[in-house]
Amino acid sequence: MTLGTILLIVLILILIGAIPAWPHSRSWGYGPSGGLGLVVLILIILILMGYV
């Protein structure tokens, strides 16, 4: 596997983990997962363009 694929898998797992599911994190809203979603989107674009 390439480094880009490994990074993509790790970021997707972090994105799933950032979804507010616990009582202490419900007030956070979707800020953490939205920020990580943006990072995943940028990484996907870079992979498709061949920079990573």
PDB file of N, CA and C in Angstrom:
ATOM      1  N   MET A   1       0.845  -1.182   0.000  1.00  0.00           N
ATOM      2  CA  MET A   1       0.000   0.000   0.000  1.00  0.00           C
ATOM      3  C   MET A   1       0.891   1.246   0.000  1.00  0.00           C
ATOM      4  N   THR A   2       0.371   2.275  -0.613  1.00  0.00           N
ATOM      5  CA  THR A   2       1.122   3.527  -0.650  1.00  0.00           C
ATOM      6  C   THR A   2       0.854   4.345   0.597  1.00  0.00           C
ATOM      7  N   LEU A   3       1.677   5.349   0.794  1.00  0.00           N
ATOM      8  CA  LEU A   3       1.529   6.214   1.955  1.00  0.00           C
ATOM      9  C   LEU A   3       0.207   6.963   1.922  1.00  0.00           C
ATOM     10  N   GLY A   4      -0.229   7.373   0.744  1.00  0.00           N
ATOM     11  CA  GLY A   4      -1.503   8.080   0.614  1.00  0.00           C
ATOM     12  C   GLY A   4      -2.685   7.223   1.023  1.00  0.00           C
ATOM     13  N   THR A   5      -2.662   5.956   0.668  1.00  0.00           N
ATOM     14  CA  THR A   5      -3.745   5.050   1.044  1.00  0.00           C
ATOM     15  C   THR A   5      -3.794   4.841   2.551  1.00  0.00           C
ATOM     16  N   ILE A   6      -2.634   4.677   3.140  1.00  0.00           N
ATOM     17  CA  ILE A   6      -2.580   4.495   4.591  1.00  0.00           C
ATOM     18  C   ILE A   6      -3.085   5.749   5.301  1.00  0.00           C
ATOM     19  N   LEU A   7      -2.665   6.930   4.826  1.00  0.00           N
ATOM     20  CA  LEU A   7      -3.147   8.174   5.423  1.00  0.00           C
ATOM     21  C   LEU A   7      -4.653   8.320   5.281  1.00  0.00           C
ATOM     22  N   LEU A   8      -5.173   7.941   4.132  1.00  0.00           N
ATOM     23  CA  LEU A   8      -6.620   8.030   3.909  1.00  0.00           C
ATOM     24  C   LEU A   8      -7.382   7.121   4.857  1.00  0.00           C
ATOM     25  N   ILE A   9      -6.910   5.912   5.051  1.00  0.00           N
ATOM     26  CA  ILE A   9      -7.576   4.973   5.958  1.00  0.00           C
ATOM     27  C   ILE A   9      -7.544   5.507   7.393  1.00  0.00           C
ATOM     28  N   VAL A  10      -6.389   6.020   7.821  1.00  0.00           N
ATOM     29  CA  VAL A  10      -6.272   6.551   9.179  1.00  0.00           C
ATOM     30  C   VAL A  10      -7.195   7.755   9.372  1.00  0.00           C
ATOM     31  N   LEU A  11      -7.244   8.654   8.390  1.00  0.00           N
ATOM     32  CA  LEU A  11      -8.097   9.827   8.522  1.00  0.00           C
ATOM     33  C   LEU A  11      -9.581   9.462   8.527  1.00  0.00           C
ATOM     34  N   ILE A  12      -9.965   8.455   7.767  1.00  0.00           N
ATOM     35  CA  ILE A  12     -11.367   8.021   7.783  1.00  0.00           C
ATOM     36  C   ILE A  12     -11.723   7.438   9.151  1.00  0.00           C
ATOM     37  N   LEU A  13     -10.813   6.668   9.738  1.00  0.00           N
ATOM     38  CA  LEU A  13     -11.071   6.130  11.082  1.00  0.00           C
ATOM     39  C   LEU A  13     -11.174   7.248  12.116  1.00  0.00           C
ATOM     40  N   ILE A  14     -10.328   8.277  11.993  1.00  0.00           N
ATOM     41  CA  ILE A  14     -10.410   9.416  12.903  1.00  0.00           C
ATOM     42  C   ILE A  14     -11.726  10.158  12.706  1.00  0.00           C
ATOM     43  N   LEU A  15     -12.154  10.277  11.459  1.00  0.00           N
ATOM     44  CA  LEU A  15     -13.414  10.960  11.155  1.00  0.00           C
ATOM     45  C   LEU A  15     -14.593  10.232  11.800  1.00  0.00           C
ATOM     46  N   ILE A  16     -14.597   8.917  11.723  1.00  0.00           N
ATOM     47  CA  ILE A  16     -15.674   8.136  12.349  1.00  0.00           C
ATOM     48  C   ILE A  16     -15.622   8.293  13.870  1.00  0.00           C
ATOM     49  N   GLY A  17     -14.416   8.342  14.426  1.00  0.00           N
ATOM     50  CA  GLY A  17     -14.271   8.499  15.870  1.00  0.00           C
ATOM     51  C   GLY A  17     -14.654   9.880  16.371  1.00  0.00           C
ATOM     52  N   ALA A  18     -14.691  10.877  15.487  1.00  0.00           N
ATOM     53  CA  ALA A  18     -15.001  12.245  15.908  1.00  0.00           C
ATOM     54  C   ALA A  18     -16.494  12.546  15.905  1.00  0.00           C
ATOM     55  N   ILE A  19     -17.313  11.608  15.456  1.00  0.00           N
ATOM     56  CA  ILE A  19     -18.757  11.829  15.462  1.00  0.00           C
ATOM     57  C   ILE A  19     -19.233  11.905  16.913  1.00  0.00           C
ATOM     58  N   PRO A  20     -19.968  12.949  17.267  1.00  0.00           N
ATOM     59  CA  PRO A  20     -20.368  13.115  18.674  1.00  0.00           C
ATOM     60  C   PRO A  20     -21.393  12.065  19.108  1.00  0.00           C
ATOM     61  N   ALA A  21     -20.915  11.006  19.753  1.00  0.00           N
ATOM     62  CA  ALA A  21     -21.808   9.929  20.158  1.00  0.00           C
ATOM     63  C   ALA A  21     -21.904   9.800  21.674  1.00  0.00           C
ATOM     64  N   TRP A  22     -20.957  10.368  22.395  1.00  0.00           N
ATOM     65  CA  TRP A  22     -20.948  10.241  23.838  1.00  0.00           C
ATOM     66  C   TRP A  22     -21.606  11.459  24.473  1.00  0.00           C
ATOM     67  N   PRO A  23     -22.164  11.323  25.665  1.00  0.00           N
ATOM     68  CA  PRO A  23     -22.865  12.456  26.300  1.00  0.00           C
ATOM     69  C   PRO A  23     -21.983  13.699  26.484  1.00  0.00           C
ATOM     70  N   HIS A  24     -20.709  13.521  26.784  1.00  0.00           N
ATOM     71  CA  HIS A  24     -19.856  14.690  27.006  1.00  0.00           C
ATOM     72  C   HIS A  24     -19.516  15.415  25.705  1.00  0.00           C
ATOM     73  N   SER A  25     -19.672  14.744  24.556  1.00  0.00           N
ATOM     74  CA  SER A  25     -19.296  15.371  23.293  1.00  0.00           C
ATOM     75  C   SER A  25     -20.501  15.781  22.452  1.00  0.00           C
ATOM     76  N   ARG A  26     -21.703  15.580  22.941  1.00  0.00           N
ATOM     77  CA  ARG A  26     -22.882  15.946  22.150  1.00  0.00           C
ATOM     78  C   ARG A  26     -22.996  17.457  21.953  1.00  0.00           C
ATOM     79  N   SER A  27     -22.499  18.236  22.896  1.00  0.00           N
ATOM     80  CA  SER A  27     -22.596  19.688  22.764  1.00  0.00           C
ATOM     81  C   SER A  27     -21.552  20.252  21.801  1.00  0.00           C
ATOM     82  N   TRP A  28     -20.617  19.442  21.349  1.00  0.00           N
ATOM     83  CA  TRP A  28     -19.596  19.919  20.420  1.00  0.00           C
ATOM     84  C   TRP A  28     -20.163  20.173  19.033  1.00  0.00           C
ATOM     85  N   GLY A  29     -21.286  19.542  18.718  1.00  0.00           N
ATOM     86  CA  GLY A  29     -21.832  19.646  17.370  1.00  0.00           C
ATOM     87  C   GLY A  29     -21.009  18.824  16.399  1.00  0.00           C
ATOM     88  N   TYR A  30     -20.990  19.248  15.153  1.00  0.00           N
ATOM     89  CA  TYR A  30     -20.257  18.500  14.141  1.00  0.00           C
ATOM     90  C   TYR A  30     -18.965  19.202  13.757  1.00  0.00           C
ATOM     91  N   GLY A  31     -18.454  20.060  14.614  1.00  0.00           N
ATOM     92  CA  GLY A  31     -17.194  20.748  14.349  1.00  0.00           C
ATOM     93  C   GLY A  31     -16.012  19.815  14.164  1.00  0.00           C
ATOM     94  N   PRO A  32     -15.764  18.890  15.107  1.00  0.00           N
ATOM     95  CA  PRO A  32     -14.608  17.996  14.939  1.00  0.00           C
ATOM     96  C   PRO A  32     -14.706  17.120  13.689  1.00  0.00           C
ATOM     97  N   SER A  33     -15.858  16.534  13.445  1.00  0.00           N
ATOM     98  CA  SER A  33     -15.975  15.671  12.269  1.00  0.00           C
ATOM     99  C   SER A  33     -16.001  16.492  10.990  1.00  0.00           C
ATOM    100  N   GLY A  34     -16.514  17.720  11.052  1.00  0.00           N
ATOM    101  CA  GLY A  34     -16.505  18.578   9.864  1.00  0.00           C
ATOM    102  C   GLY A  34     -15.100  18.989   9.486  1.00  0.00           C
ATOM    103  N   GLY A  35     -14.287  19.301  10.488  1.00  0.00           N
ATOM    104  CA  GLY A  35     -12.891  19.659  10.226  1.00  0.00           C
ATOM    105  C   GLY A  35     -12.101  18.488   9.663  1.00  0.00           C
ATOM    106  N   LEU A  36     -12.318  17.312  10.234  1.00  0.00           N
ATOM    107  CA  LEU A  36     -11.630  16.134   9.727  1.00  0.00           C
ATOM    108  C   LEU A  36     -12.157  15.737   8.353  1.00  0.00           C
ATOM    109  N   GLY A  37     -13.436  15.979   8.116  1.00  0.00           N
ATOM    110  CA  GLY A  37     -13.988  15.716   6.784  1.00  0.00           C
ATOM    111  C   GLY A  37     -13.333  16.586   5.733  1.00  0.00           C
ATOM    112  N   LEU A  38     -13.049  17.824   6.086  1.00  0.00           N
ATOM    113  CA  LEU A  38     -12.357  18.726   5.165  1.00  0.00           C
ATOM    114  C   LEU A  38     -10.944  18.215   4.877  1.00  0.00           C
ATOM    115  N   VAL A  39     -10.257  17.728   5.897  1.00  0.00           N
ATOM    116  CA  VAL A  39      -8.908  17.174   5.704  1.00  0.00           C
ATOM    117  C   VAL A  39      -8.964  15.947   4.800  1.00  0.00           C
ATOM    118  N   VAL A  40      -9.947  15.073   5.003  1.00  0.00           N
ATOM    119  CA  VAL A  40     -10.094  13.881   4.154  1.00  0.00           C
ATOM    120  C   VAL A  40     -10.391  14.290   2.719  1.00  0.00           C
ATOM    121  N   LEU A  41     -11.243  15.276   2.524  1.00  0.00           N
ATOM    122  CA  LEU A  41     -11.571  15.748   1.181  1.00  0.00           C
ATOM    123  C   LEU A  41     -10.339  16.297   0.473  1.00  0.00           C
ATOM    124  N   ILE A  42      -9.541  17.098   1.172  1.00  0.00           N
ATOM    125  CA  ILE A  42      -8.318  17.632   0.580  1.00  0.00           C
ATOM    126  C   ILE A  42      -7.348  16.510   0.239  1.00  0.00           C
ATOM    127  N   LEU A  43      -7.229  15.516   1.115  1.00  0.00           N
ATOM    128  CA  LEU A  43      -6.341  14.390   0.856  1.00  0.00           C
ATOM    129  C   LEU A  43      -6.807  13.584  -0.354  1.00  0.00           C
ATOM    130  N   ILE A  44      -8.111  13.378  -0.487  1.00  0.00           N
ATOM    131  CA  ILE A  44      -8.638  12.652  -1.653  1.00  0.00           C
ATOM    132  C   ILE A  44      -8.323  13.410  -2.940  1.00  0.00           C
ATOM    133  N   ILE A  45      -8.486  14.716  -2.911  1.00  0.00           N
ATOM    134  CA  ILE A  45      -8.185  15.520  -4.101  1.00  0.00           C
ATOM    135  C   ILE A  45      -6.697  15.428  -4.436  1.00  0.00           C
ATOM    136  N   LEU A  46      -5.827  15.505  -3.432  1.00  0.00           N
ATOM    137  CA  LEU A  46      -4.402  15.402  -3.678  1.00  0.00           C
ATOM    138  C   LEU A  46      -4.018  14.030  -4.222  1.00  0.00           C
ATOM    139  N   ILE A  47      -4.649  12.973  -3.723  1.00  0.00           N
ATOM    140  CA  ILE A  47      -4.369  11.628  -4.222  1.00  0.00           C
ATOM    141  C   ILE A  47      -4.803  11.499  -5.677  1.00  0.00           C
ATOM    142  N   LEU A  48      -5.991  12.017  -5.996  1.00  0.00           N
ATOM    143  CA  LEU A  48      -6.475  11.929  -7.371  1.00  0.00           C
ATOM    144  C   LEU A  48      -5.637  12.755  -8.338  1.00  0.00           C
ATOM    145  N   MET A  49      -5.065  13.850  -7.864  1.00  0.00           N
ATOM    146  CA  MET A  49      -4.217  14.681  -8.718  1.00  0.00           C
ATOM    147  C   MET A  49      -2.776  14.154  -8.790  1.00  0.00           C
ATOM    148  N   GLY A  50      -2.448  13.188  -7.949  1.00  0.00           N
ATOM    149  CA  GLY A  50      -1.139  12.559  -7.997  1.00  0.00           C
ATOM    150  C   GLY A  50      -0.066  13.240  -7.188  1.00  0.00           C
ATOM    151  N   TYR A  51      -0.427  14.114  -6.260  1.00  0.00           N
ATOM    152  CA  TYR A  51       0.567  14.798  -5.434  1.00  0.00           C
ATOM    153  C   TYR A  51       0.985  13.995  -4.220  1.00  0.00           C
ATOM    154  N   VAL A  52       0.179  13.029  -3.812  1.00  0.00           N
ATOM    155  CA  VAL A  52       0.516  12.222  -2.631  1.00  0.00           C
ATOM    156  C   VAL A  52       0.757  10.805  -3.071  1.00  0.00           C
TER     157      VAL A  52
END
